[in-house]
Amino acid sequence: MDDATRTELEAAAFRALREHLMVKRPDVQNIDLMNLAGFCRNCLSRWYQEAANARGIEMTKEEGREAFYGQPYAEWVAAHQTPADAEKQAAFKKAFAENVGKG
C-alpha cells in the first residue's frame, strides 16, 4: 500500500471514530473513556492540535478542541457532560497520570 492511500485510510478511520464519539455516542462521558481506555475526546483534540503545531500550523488548545468538537468546548460540556462522582474522579486522576502525564 502506498503512503497516500495509507494516509487516506487513517484519516477515514479518524473521521469514523470522531463521528462515533460525537454523533452516535455523545452520551459516553470523557471521564469514562479516560478511565477505561486511557484517552478521551480531549486527548483526540490535543493530538489534532499537536499534529497541526508539528506542521507549523499555529493552533491553541481551545482551537484544537473546537476543531474536534465542532463547537466551542464550553458548549459541548453544557450540552453533554454530567457530574462525576468521587470514585470516577479518583480513577480519572490515576488514568490521566498514567496516560497523559502529571501536567
PDB file of N, CA and C in Angstrom:
ATOM      1  N   MET A   1       0.860  -1.171   0.000  1.00  0.00           N
ATOM      2  CA  MET A   1       0.000   0.000   0.000  1.00  0.00           C
ATOM      3  C   MET A   1       0.904   1.231   0.000  1.00  0.00           C
ATOM      4  N   ASP A   2       0.559   2.192  -0.833  1.00  0.00           N
ATOM      5  CA  ASP A   2       1.378   3.408  -0.879  1.00  0.00           C
ATOM      6  C   ASP A   2       1.025   4.343   0.274  1.00  0.00           C
ATOM      7  N   ASP A   3       1.911   5.279   0.566  1.00  0.00           N
ATOM      8  CA  ASP A   3       1.742   6.181   1.712  1.00  0.00           C
ATOM      9  C   ASP A   3       0.487   7.043   1.602  1.00  0.00           C
ATOM     10  N   ALA A   4       0.166   7.501   0.398  1.00  0.00           N
ATOM     11  CA  ALA A   4      -1.014   8.351   0.236  1.00  0.00           C
ATOM     12  C   ALA A   4      -2.287   7.576   0.573  1.00  0.00           C
ATOM     13  N   THR A   5      -2.374   6.337   0.116  1.00  0.00           N
ATOM     14  CA  THR A   5      -3.547   5.514   0.418  1.00  0.00           C
ATOM     15  C   THR A   5      -3.627   5.223   1.905  1.00  0.00           C
ATOM     16  N   ARG A   6      -2.496   4.899   2.524  1.00  0.00           N
ATOM     17  CA  ARG A   6      -2.465   4.636   3.969  1.00  0.00           C
ATOM     18  C   ARG A   6      -2.952   5.864   4.736  1.00  0.00           C
ATOM     19  N   THR A   7      -2.473   7.032   4.343  1.00  0.00           N
ATOM     20  CA  THR A   7      -2.887   8.279   4.998  1.00  0.00           C
ATOM     21  C   THR A   7      -4.387   8.509   4.828  1.00  0.00           C
ATOM     22  N   GLU A   8      -4.911   8.248   3.637  1.00  0.00           N
ATOM     23  CA  GLU A   8      -6.349   8.406   3.398  1.00  0.00           C
ATOM     24  C   GLU A   8      -7.161   7.455   4.277  1.00  0.00           C
ATOM     25  N   LEU A   9      -6.704   6.218   4.402  1.00  0.00           N
ATOM     26  CA  LEU A   9      -7.411   5.248   5.236  1.00  0.00           C
ATOM     27  C   LEU A   9      -7.345   5.627   6.708  1.00  0.00           C
ATOM     28  N   GLU A  10      -6.185   6.080   7.156  1.00  0.00           N
ATOM     29  CA  GLU A  10      -6.054   6.523   8.548  1.00  0.00           C
ATOM     30  C   GLU A  10      -6.955   7.715   8.826  1.00  0.00           C
ATOM     31  N   ALA A  11      -7.028   8.644   7.884  1.00  0.00           N
ATOM     32  CA  ALA A  11      -7.906   9.805   8.051  1.00  0.00           C
ATOM     33  C   ALA A  11      -9.372   9.381   8.095  1.00  0.00           C
ATOM     34  N   ALA A  12      -9.742   8.424   7.251  1.00  0.00           N
ATOM     35  CA  ALA A  12     -11.122   7.933   7.250  1.00  0.00           C
ATOM     36  C   ALA A  12     -11.452   7.248   8.578  1.00  0.00           C
ATOM     37  N   ALA A  13     -10.504   6.487   9.113  1.00  0.00           N
ATOM     38  CA  ALA A  13     -10.728   5.837  10.404  1.00  0.00           C
ATOM     39  C   ALA A  13     -10.875   6.879  11.513  1.00  0.00           C
ATOM     40  N   PHE A  14     -10.058   7.926  11.486  1.00  0.00           N
ATOM     41  CA  PHE A  14     -10.173   9.003  12.469  1.00  0.00           C
ATOM     42  C   PHE A  14     -11.545   9.674  12.368  1.00  0.00           C
ATOM     43  N   ARG A  15     -11.979   9.973  11.147  1.00  0.00           N
ATOM     44  CA  ARG A  15     -13.293  10.609  10.978  1.00  0.00           C
ATOM     45  C   ARG A  15     -14.411   9.703  11.486  1.00  0.00           C
ATOM     46  N   ALA A  16     -14.283   8.396  11.268  1.00  0.00           N
ATOM     47  CA  ALA A  16     -15.302   7.460  11.762  1.00  0.00           C
ATOM     48  C   ALA A  16     -15.305   7.426  13.286  1.00  0.00           C
ATOM     49  N   LEU A  17     -14.131   7.429  13.902  1.00  0.00           N
ATOM     50  CA  LEU A  17     -14.046   7.463  15.367  1.00  0.00           C
ATOM     51  C   LEU A  17     -14.669   8.742  15.901  1.00  0.00           C
ATOM     52  N   ARG A  18     -14.332   9.874  15.296  1.00  0.00           N
ATOM     53  CA  ARG A  18     -14.893  11.154  15.730  1.00  0.00           C
ATOM     54  C   ARG A  18     -16.413  11.143  15.598  1.00  0.00           C
ATOM     55  N   GLU A  19     -16.919  10.680  14.463  1.00  0.00           N
ATOM     56  CA  GLU A  19     -18.369  10.600  14.230  1.00  0.00           C
ATOM     57  C   GLU A  19     -19.031   9.710  15.281  1.00  0.00           C
ATOM     58  N   HIS A  20     -18.415   8.598  15.586  1.00  0.00           N
ATOM     59  CA  HIS A  20     -18.970   7.682  16.579  1.00  0.00           C
ATOM     60  C   HIS A  20     -19.063   8.356  17.946  1.00  0.00           C
ATOM     61  N   LEU A  21     -17.982   9.013  18.359  1.00  0.00           N
ATOM     62  CA  LEU A  21     -17.962   9.643  19.690  1.00  0.00           C
ATOM     63  C   LEU A  21     -18.830  10.896  19.773  1.00  0.00           C
ATOM     64  N   MET A  22     -18.897  11.640  18.684  1.00  0.00           N
ATOM     65  CA  MET A  22     -19.596  12.933  18.738  1.00  0.00           C
ATOM     66  C   MET A  22     -21.075  12.823  18.370  1.00  0.00           C
ATOM     67  N   VAL A  23     -21.426  11.928  17.455  1.00  0.00           N
ATOM     68  CA  VAL A  23     -22.794  11.862  16.943  1.00  0.00           C
ATOM     69  C   VAL A  23     -23.538  10.629  17.475  1.00  0.00           C
ATOM     70  N   LYS A  24     -22.906   9.483  17.350  1.00  0.00           N
ATOM     71  CA  LYS A  24     -23.595   8.247  17.740  1.00  0.00           C
ATOM     72  C   LYS A  24     -23.585   8.014  19.244  1.00  0.00           C
ATOM     73  N   ARG A  25     -22.517   8.431  19.930  1.00  0.00           N
ATOM     74  CA  ARG A  25     -22.392   8.168  21.371  1.00  0.00           C
ATOM     75  C   ARG A  25     -21.963   9.391  22.180  1.00  0.00           C
ATOM     76  N   PRO A  26     -22.646  10.523  22.023  1.00  0.00           N
ATOM     77  CA  PRO A  26     -22.292  11.687  22.837  1.00  0.00           C
ATOM     78  C   PRO A  26     -22.591  11.461  24.322  1.00  0.00           C
ATOM     79  N   ASP A  27     -23.376  10.427  24.615  1.00  0.00           N
ATOM     80  CA  ASP A  27     -23.720  10.100  25.999  1.00  0.00           C
ATOM     81  C   ASP A  27     -22.543   9.503  26.765  1.00  0.00           C
ATOM     82  N   VAL A  28     -21.576   8.953  26.053  1.00  0.00           N
ATOM     83  CA  VAL A  28     -20.409   8.371  26.714  1.00  0.00           C
ATOM     84  C   VAL A  28     -19.550   9.524  27.223  1.00  0.00           C
ATOM     85  N   GLN A  29     -19.329   9.541  28.511  1.00  0.00           N
ATOM     86  CA  GLN A  29     -18.605  10.638  29.143  1.00  0.00           C
ATOM     87  C   GLN A  29     -17.099  10.521  28.915  1.00  0.00           C
ATOM     88  N   ASN A  30     -16.439  11.668  28.748  1.00  0.00           N
ATOM     89  CA  ASN A  30     -14.983  11.681  28.594  1.00  0.00           C
ATOM     90  C   ASN A  30     -14.299  10.980  29.763  1.00  0.00           C
ATOM     91  N   ILE A  31     -14.797  11.200  30.966  1.00  0.00           N
ATOM     92  CA  ILE A  31     -14.155  10.603  32.134  1.00  0.00           C
ATOM     93  C   ILE A  31     -14.227   9.076  32.062  1.00  0.00           C
ATOM     94  N   ASP A  32     -15.310   8.541  31.546  1.00  0.00           N
ATOM     95  CA  ASP A  32     -15.431   7.095  31.400  1.00  0.00           C
ATOM     96  C   ASP A  32     -14.479   6.571  30.327  1.00  0.00           C
ATOM     97  N   LEU A  33     -14.356   7.306  29.222  1.00  0.00           N
ATOM     98  CA  LEU A  33     -13.393   6.929  28.184  1.00  0.00           C
ATOM     99  C   LEU A  33     -11.979   6.906  28.744  1.00  0.00           C
ATOM    100  N   MET A  34     -11.608   7.947  29.466  1.00  0.00           N
ATOM    101  CA  MET A  34     -10.258   8.029  30.024  1.00  0.00           C
ATOM    102  C   MET A  34     -10.020   6.912  31.027  1.00  0.00           C
ATOM    103  N   ASN A  35     -10.997   6.672  31.880  1.00  0.00           N
ATOM    104  CA  ASN A  35     -10.829   5.647  32.908  1.00  0.00           C
ATOM    105  C   ASN A  35     -10.727   4.240  32.312  1.00  0.00           C
ATOM    106  N   LEU A  36     -11.434   3.999  31.227  1.00  0.00           N
ATOM    107  CA  LEU A  36     -11.427   2.662  30.622  1.00  0.00           C
ATOM    108  C   LEU A  36     -10.348   2.486  29.550  1.00  0.00           C
ATOM    109  N   ALA A  37     -10.129   3.512  28.748  1.00  0.00           N
ATOM    110  CA  ALA A  37      -9.260   3.371  27.575  1.00  0.00           C
ATOM    111  C   ALA A  37      -7.957   4.160  27.665  1.00  0.00           C
ATOM    112  N   GLY A  38      -7.885   5.095  28.595  1.00  0.00           N
ATOM    113  CA  GLY A  38      -6.675   5.895  28.718  1.00  0.00           C
ATOM    114  C   GLY A  38      -6.618   7.067  27.761  1.00  0.00           C
ATOM    115  N   PHE A  39      -7.721   7.360  27.084  1.00  0.00           N
ATOM    116  CA  PHE A  39      -7.824   8.544  26.231  1.00  0.00           C
ATOM    117  C   PHE A  39      -9.287   8.942  26.134  1.00  0.00           C
ATOM    118  N   CYS A  40      -9.527  10.183  25.706  1.00  0.00           N
ATOM    119  CA  CYS A  40     -10.894  10.669  25.554  1.00  0.00           C
ATOM    120  C   CYS A  40     -10.950  11.661  24.400  1.00  0.00           C
ATOM    121  N   ARG A  41     -12.073  12.306  24.239  1.00  0.00           N
ATOM    122  CA  ARG A  41     -12.223  13.293  23.175  1.00  0.00           C
ATOM    123  C   ARG A  41     -11.195  14.412  23.317  1.00  0.00           C
ATOM    124  N   ASN A  42     -10.927  14.826  24.555  1.00  0.00           N
ATOM    125  CA  ASN A  42      -9.944  15.892  24.758  1.00  0.00           C
ATOM    126  C   ASN A  42      -8.558  15.457  24.309  1.00  0.00           C
ATOM    127  N   CYS A  43      -8.213  14.189  24.520  1.00  0.00           N
ATOM    128  CA  CYS A  43      -6.928  13.668  24.035  1.00  0.00           C
ATOM    129  C   CYS A  43      -6.890  13.739  22.511  1.00  0.00           C
ATOM    130  N   LEU A  44      -7.971  13.327  21.870  1.00  0.00           N
ATOM    131  CA  LEU A  44      -8.023  13.373  20.414  1.00  0.00           C
ATOM    132  C   LEU A  44      -7.870  14.803  19.908  1.00  0.00           C
ATOM    133  N   SER A  45      -8.515  15.749  20.582  1.00  0.00           N
ATOM    134  CA  SER A  45      -8.380  17.153  20.160  1.00  0.00           C
ATOM    135  C   SER A  45      -6.957  17.655  20.400  1.00  0.00           C
ATOM    136  N   ARG A  46      -6.305  17.191  21.473  1.00  0.00           N
ATOM    137  CA  ARG A  46      -4.914  17.581  21.751  1.00  0.00           C
ATOM    138  C   ARG A  46      -3.987  16.986  20.698  1.00  0.00           C
ATOM    139  N   TRP A  47      -4.203  15.737  20.329  1.00  0.00           N
ATOM    140  CA  TRP A  47      -3.370  15.114  19.296  1.00  0.00           C
ATOM    141  C   TRP A  47      -3.532  15.843  17.967  1.00  0.00           C
ATOM    142  N   TYR A  48      -4.739  16.293  17.676  1.00  0.00           N
ATOM    143  CA  TYR A  48      -5.009  17.078  16.467  1.00  0.00           C
ATOM    144  C   TYR A  48      -4.218  18.382  16.515  1.00  0.00           C
ATOM    145  N   GLN A  49      -4.294  19.062  17.655  1.00  0.00           N
ATOM    146  CA  GLN A  49      -3.560  20.318  17.847  1.00  0.00           C
ATOM    147  C   GLN A  49      -2.056  20.078  17.716  1.00  0.00           C
ATOM    148  N   GLU A  50      -1.547  19.049  18.357  1.00  0.00           N
ATOM    149  CA  GLU A  50      -0.115  18.753  18.307  1.00  0.00           C
ATOM    150  C   GLU A  50       0.334  18.446  16.883  1.00  0.00           C
ATOM    151  N   ALA A  51      -0.499  17.735  16.120  1.00  0.00           N
ATOM    152  CA  ALA A  51      -0.169  17.440  14.719  1.00  0.00           C
ATOM    153  C   ALA A  51      -0.105  18.732  13.907  1.00  0.00           C
ATOM    154  N   ALA A  52      -1.049  19.634  14.164  1.00  0.00           N
ATOM    155  CA  ALA A  52      -1.026  20.928  13.467  1.00  0.00           C
ATOM    156  C   ALA A  52       0.232  21.706  13.830  1.00  0.00           C
ATOM    157  N   ASN A  53       0.516  21.804  15.118  1.00  0.00           N
ATOM    158  CA  ASN A  53       1.699  22.538  15.574  1.00  0.00           C
ATOM    159  C   ASN A  53       2.984  21.952  14.997  1.00  0.00           C
ATOM    160  N   ALA A  54       3.072  20.625  14.919  1.00  0.00           N
ATOM    161  CA  ALA A  54       4.263  19.960  14.381  1.00  0.00           C
ATOM    162  C   ALA A  54       4.475  20.284  12.908  1.00  0.00           C
ATOM    163  N   ARG A  55       3.412  20.686  12.241  1.00  0.00           N
ATOM    164  CA  ARG A  55       3.500  21.048  10.826  1.00  0.00           C
ATOM    165  C   ARG A  55       3.567  22.554  10.621  1.00  0.00           C
ATOM    166  N   GLY A  56       3.815  23.282  11.711  1.00  0.00           N
ATOM    167  CA  GLY A  56       3.959  24.729  11.619  1.00  0.00           C
ATOM    168  C   GLY A  56       2.654  25.486  11.583  1.00  0.00           C
ATOM    169  N   ILE A  57       1.553  24.822  11.877  1.00  0.00           N
ATOM    170  CA  ILE A  57       0.242  25.472  11.917  1.00  0.00           C
ATOM    171  C   ILE A  57      -0.029  25.848  13.359  1.00  0.00           C
ATOM    172  N   GLU A  58      -0.125  27.134  13.633  1.00  0.00           N
ATOM    173  CA  GLU A  58      -0.402  27.604  14.984  1.00  0.00           C
ATOM    174  C   GLU A  58      -1.839  27.241  15.352  1.00  0.00           C
ATOM    175  N   MET A  59      -1.994  26.536  16.462  1.00  0.00           N
ATOM    176  CA  MET A  59      -3.314  26.160  16.948  1.00  0.00           C
ATOM    177  C   MET A  59      -3.229  26.052  18.457  1.00  0.00           C
ATOM    178  N   THR A  60      -4.121  26.761  19.134  1.00  0.00           N
ATOM    179  CA  THR A  60      -4.174  26.694  20.589  1.00  0.00           C
ATOM    180  C   THR A  60      -4.965  25.466  21.025  1.00  0.00           C
ATOM    181  N   LYS A  61      -4.900  25.183  22.307  1.00  0.00           N
ATOM    182  CA  LYS A  61      -5.671  24.080  22.886  1.00  0.00           C
ATOM    183  C   LYS A  61      -7.157  24.269  22.597  1.00  0.00           C
ATOM    184  N   GLU A  62      -7.653  25.470  22.815  1.00  0.00           N
ATOM    185  CA  GLU A  62      -9.082  25.728  22.587  1.00  0.00           C
ATOM    186  C   GLU A  62      -9.436  25.606  21.110  1.00  0.00           C
ATOM    187  N   GLU A  63      -8.557  26.055  20.224  1.00  0.00           N
ATOM    188  CA  GLU A  63      -8.820  25.923  18.783  1.00  0.00           C
ATOM    189  C   GLU A  63      -8.834  24.445  18.373  1.00  0.00           C
ATOM    190  N   GLY A  64      -7.943  23.655  18.956  1.00  0.00           N
ATOM    191  CA  GLY A  64      -7.930  22.225  18.683  1.00  0.00           C
ATOM    192  C   GLY A  64      -9.206  21.563  19.157  1.00  0.00           C
ATOM    193  N   ARG A  65      -9.653  21.956  20.337  1.00  0.00           N
ATOM    194  CA  ARG A  65     -10.903  21.392  20.858  1.00  0.00           C
ATOM    195  C   ARG A  65     -12.083  21.783  19.975  1.00  0.00           C
ATOM    196  N   GLU A  66     -12.143  23.032  19.567  1.00  0.00           N
ATOM    197  CA  GLU A  66     -13.258  23.459  18.728  1.00  0.00           C
ATOM    198  C   GLU A  66     -13.232  22.736  17.382  1.00  0.00           C
ATOM    199  N   ALA A  67     -12.043  22.515  16.834  1.00  0.00           N
ATOM    200  CA  ALA A  67     -11.933  21.773  15.572  1.00  0.00           C
ATOM    201  C   ALA A  67     -12.446  20.349  15.739  1.00  0.00           C
ATOM    202  N   PHE A  68     -12.107  19.711  16.850  1.00  0.00           N
ATOM    203  CA  PHE A  68     -12.540  18.329  17.072  1.00  0.00           C
ATOM    204  C   PHE A  68     -14.018  18.257  17.444  1.00  0.00           C
ATOM    205  N   TYR A  69     -14.443  19.073  18.389  1.00  0.00           N
ATOM    206  CA  TYR A  69     -15.820  19.020  18.878  1.00  0.00           C
ATOM    207  C   TYR A  69     -16.826  19.635  17.903  1.00  0.00           C
ATOM    208  N   GLY A  70     -16.336  20.474  16.992  1.00  0.00           N
ATOM    209  CA  GLY A  70     -17.228  21.124  16.042  1.00  0.00           C
ATOM    210  C   GLY A  70     -18.014  22.272  16.652  1.00  0.00           C
ATOM    211  N   GLN A  71     -17.590  22.713  17.818  1.00  0.00           N
ATOM    212  CA  GLN A  71     -18.225  23.819  18.534  1.00  0.00           C
ATOM    213  C   GLN A  71     -17.297  24.182  19.700  1.00  0.00           C
ATOM    214  N   PRO A  72     -17.507  25.351  20.292  1.00  0.00           N
ATOM    215  CA  PRO A  72     -16.691  25.671  21.470  1.00  0.00           C
ATOM    216  C   PRO A  72     -16.868  24.592  22.541  1.00  0.00           C
ATOM    217  N   TYR A  73     -15.770  24.254  23.205  1.00  0.00           N
ATOM    218  CA  TYR A  73     -15.775  23.181  24.198  1.00  0.00           C
ATOM    219  C   TYR A  73     -16.809  23.442  25.290  1.00  0.00           C
ATOM    220  N   ALA A  74     -16.938  24.684  25.735  1.00  0.00           N
ATOM    221  CA  ALA A  74     -17.903  25.001  26.793  1.00  0.00           C
ATOM    222  C   ALA A  74     -19.329  24.628  26.381  1.00  0.00           C
ATOM    223  N   GLU A  75     -19.641  24.784  25.110  1.00  0.00           N
ATOM    224  CA  GLU A  75     -20.979  24.414  24.625  1.00  0.00           C
ATOM    225  C   GLU A  75     -21.172  22.897  24.689  1.00  0.00           C
ATOM    226  N   TRP A  76     -20.132  22.145  24.312  1.00  0.00           N
ATOM    227  CA  TRP A  76     -20.210  20.684  24.389  1.00  0.00           C
ATOM    228  C   TRP A  76     -20.434  20.249  25.836  1.00  0.00           C
ATOM    229  N   VAL A  77     -19.650  20.800  26.729  1.00  0.00           N
ATOM    230  CA  VAL A  77     -19.751  20.448  28.147  1.00  0.00           C
ATOM    231  C   VAL A  77     -21.161  20.728  28.657  1.00  0.00           C
ATOM    232  N   ALA A  78     -21.677  21.901  28.346  1.00  0.00           N
ATOM    233  CA  ALA A  78     -23.015  22.267  28.821  1.00  0.00           C
ATOM    234  C   ALA A  78     -24.089  21.330  28.281  1.00  0.00           C
ATOM    235  N   ALA A  79     -23.917  20.859  27.061  1.00  0.00           N
ATOM    236  CA  ALA A  79     -24.933  20.020  26.440  1.00  0.00           C
ATOM    237  C   ALA A  79     -24.805  18.533  26.795  1.00  0.00           C
ATOM    238  N   HIS A  80     -23.585  18.067  27.099  1.00  0.00           N
ATOM    239  CA  HIS A  80     -23.382  16.618  27.197  1.00  0.00           C
ATOM    240  C   HIS A  80     -22.717  16.107  28.468  1.00  0.00           C
ATOM    241  N   GLN A  81     -21.984  16.934  29.150  1.00  0.00           N
ATOM    242  CA  GLN A  81     -21.214  16.425  30.294  1.00  0.00           C
ATOM    243  C   GLN A  81     -22.057  16.380  31.551  1.00  0.00           C
ATOM    244  N   THR A  82     -21.937  15.289  32.277  1.00  0.00           N
ATOM    245  CA  THR A  82     -22.648  15.132  33.542  1.00  0.00           C
ATOM    246  C   THR A  82     -21.637  15.103  34.685  1.00  0.00           C
ATOM    247  N   PRO A  83     -22.067  15.410  35.891  1.00  0.00           N
ATOM    248  CA  PRO A  83     -21.135  15.386  37.024  1.00  0.00           C
ATOM    249  C   PRO A  83     -20.579  13.984  37.268  1.00  0.00           C
ATOM    250  N   ALA A  84     -19.331  13.947  37.708  1.00  0.00           N
ATOM    251  CA  ALA A  84     -18.679  12.669  38.023  1.00  0.00           C
ATOM    252  C   ALA A  84     -18.552  12.539  39.532  1.00  0.00           C
ATOM    253  N   ASP A  85     -18.825  11.342  40.029  1.00  0.00           N
ATOM    254  CA  ASP A  85     -18.705  11.115  41.464  1.00  0.00           C
ATOM    255  C   ASP A  85     -17.229  11.017  41.867  1.00  0.00           C
ATOM    256  N   ALA A  86     -17.004  10.953  43.169  1.00  0.00           N
ATOM    257  CA  ALA A  86     -15.633  10.938  43.704  1.00  0.00           C
ATOM    258  C   ALA A  86     -14.842   9.728  43.209  1.00  0.00           C
ATOM    259  N   GLU A  87     -15.498   8.583  43.076  1.00  0.00           N
ATOM    260  CA  GLU A  87     -14.816   7.370  42.609  1.00  0.00           C
ATOM    261  C   GLU A  87     -14.312   7.536  41.168  1.00  0.00           C
ATOM    262  N   LYS A  88     -15.162   8.097  40.286  1.00  0.00           N
ATOM    263  CA  LYS A  88     -14.750   8.334  38.906  1.00  0.00           C
ATOM    264  C   LYS A  88     -13.634   9.377  38.842  1.00  0.00           C
ATOM    265  N   GLN A  89     -13.727  10.405  39.673  1.00  0.00           N
ATOM    266  CA  GLN A  89     -12.697  11.445  39.678  1.00  0.00           C
ATOM    267  C   GLN A  89     -11.352  10.884  40.127  1.00  0.00           C
ATOM    268  N   ALA A  90     -11.355  10.006  41.119  1.00  0.00           N
ATOM    269  CA  ALA A  90     -10.116   9.387  41.587  1.00  0.00           C
ATOM    270  C   ALA A  90      -9.522   8.486  40.506  1.00  0.00           C
ATOM    271  N   ALA A  91     -10.369   7.710  39.843  1.00  0.00           N
ATOM    272  CA  ALA A  91      -9.900   6.853  38.751  1.00  0.00           C
ATOM    273  C   ALA A  91      -9.347   7.699  37.608  1.00  0.00           C
ATOM    274  N   PHE A  92      -9.993   8.830  37.339  1.00  0.00           N
ATOM    275  CA  PHE A  92      -9.527   9.726  36.289  1.00  0.00           C
ATOM    276  C   PHE A  92      -8.143  10.280  36.612  1.00  0.00           C
ATOM    277  N   LYS A  93      -7.950  10.692  37.837  1.00  0.00           N
ATOM    278  CA  LYS A  93      -6.648  11.242  38.250  1.00  0.00           C
ATOM    279  C   LYS A  93      -5.546  10.228  37.973  1.00  0.00           C
ATOM    280  N   LYS A  94      -5.795   8.976  38.321  1.00  0.00           N
ATOM    281  CA  LYS A  94      -4.829   7.897  38.088  1.00  0.00           C
ATOM    282  C   LYS A  94      -4.629   7.674  36.588  1.00  0.00           C
ATOM    283  N   ALA A  95      -5.716   7.554  35.838  1.00  0.00           N
ATOM    284  CA  ALA A  95      -5.645   7.316  34.390  1.00  0.00           C
ATOM    285  C   ALA A  95      -4.936   8.461  33.683  1.00  0.00           C
ATOM    286  N   PHE A  96      -5.217   9.689  34.092  1.00  0.00           N
ATOM    287  CA  PHE A  96      -4.593  10.850  33.486  1.00  0.00           C
ATOM    288  C   PHE A  96      -3.081  10.815  33.721  1.00  0.00           C
ATOM    289  N   ALA A  97      -2.685  10.553  34.960  1.00  0.00           N
ATOM    290  CA  ALA A  97      -1.252  10.497  35.288  1.00  0.00           C
ATOM    291  C   ALA A  97      -0.547   9.398  34.489  1.00  0.00           C
ATOM    292  N   GLU A  98      -1.185   8.258  34.339  1.00  0.00           N
ATOM    293  CA  GLU A  98      -0.583   7.139  33.620  1.00  0.00           C
ATOM    294  C   GLU A  98      -0.527   7.346  32.111  1.00  0.00           C
ATOM    295  N   ASN A  99      -1.515   8.034  31.561  1.00  0.00           N
ATOM    296  CA  ASN A  99      -1.633   8.124  30.104  1.00  0.00           C
ATOM    297  C   ASN A  99      -1.280   9.481  29.510  1.00  0.00           C
ATOM    298  N   VAL A 100      -1.428  10.528  30.282  1.00  0.00           N
ATOM    299  CA  VAL A 100      -1.163  11.868  29.764  1.00  0.00           C
ATOM    300  C   VAL A 100       0.054  12.473  30.439  1.00  0.00           C
ATOM    301  N   GLY A 101       0.174  12.284  31.713  1.00  0.00           N
ATOM    302  CA  GLY A 101       1.298  12.835  32.456  1.00  0.00           C
ATOM    303  C   GLY A 101       0.824  13.665  33.626  1.00  0.00           C
ATOM    304  N   LYS A 102       1.745  14.120  34.379  1.00  0.00           N
ATOM    305  CA  LYS A 102       1.429  14.883  35.593  1.00  0.00           C
ATOM    306  C   LYS A 102       0.849  16.247  35.282  1.00  0.00           C
ATOM    307  N   GLY A 103       1.087  16.784  34.147  1.00  0.00           N
ATOM    308  CA  GLY A 103       0.582  18.122  33.876  1.00  0.00           C
ATOM    309  C   GLY A 103       0.568  18.416  32.465  1.00  0.00           C
TER     310      GLY A 103
END
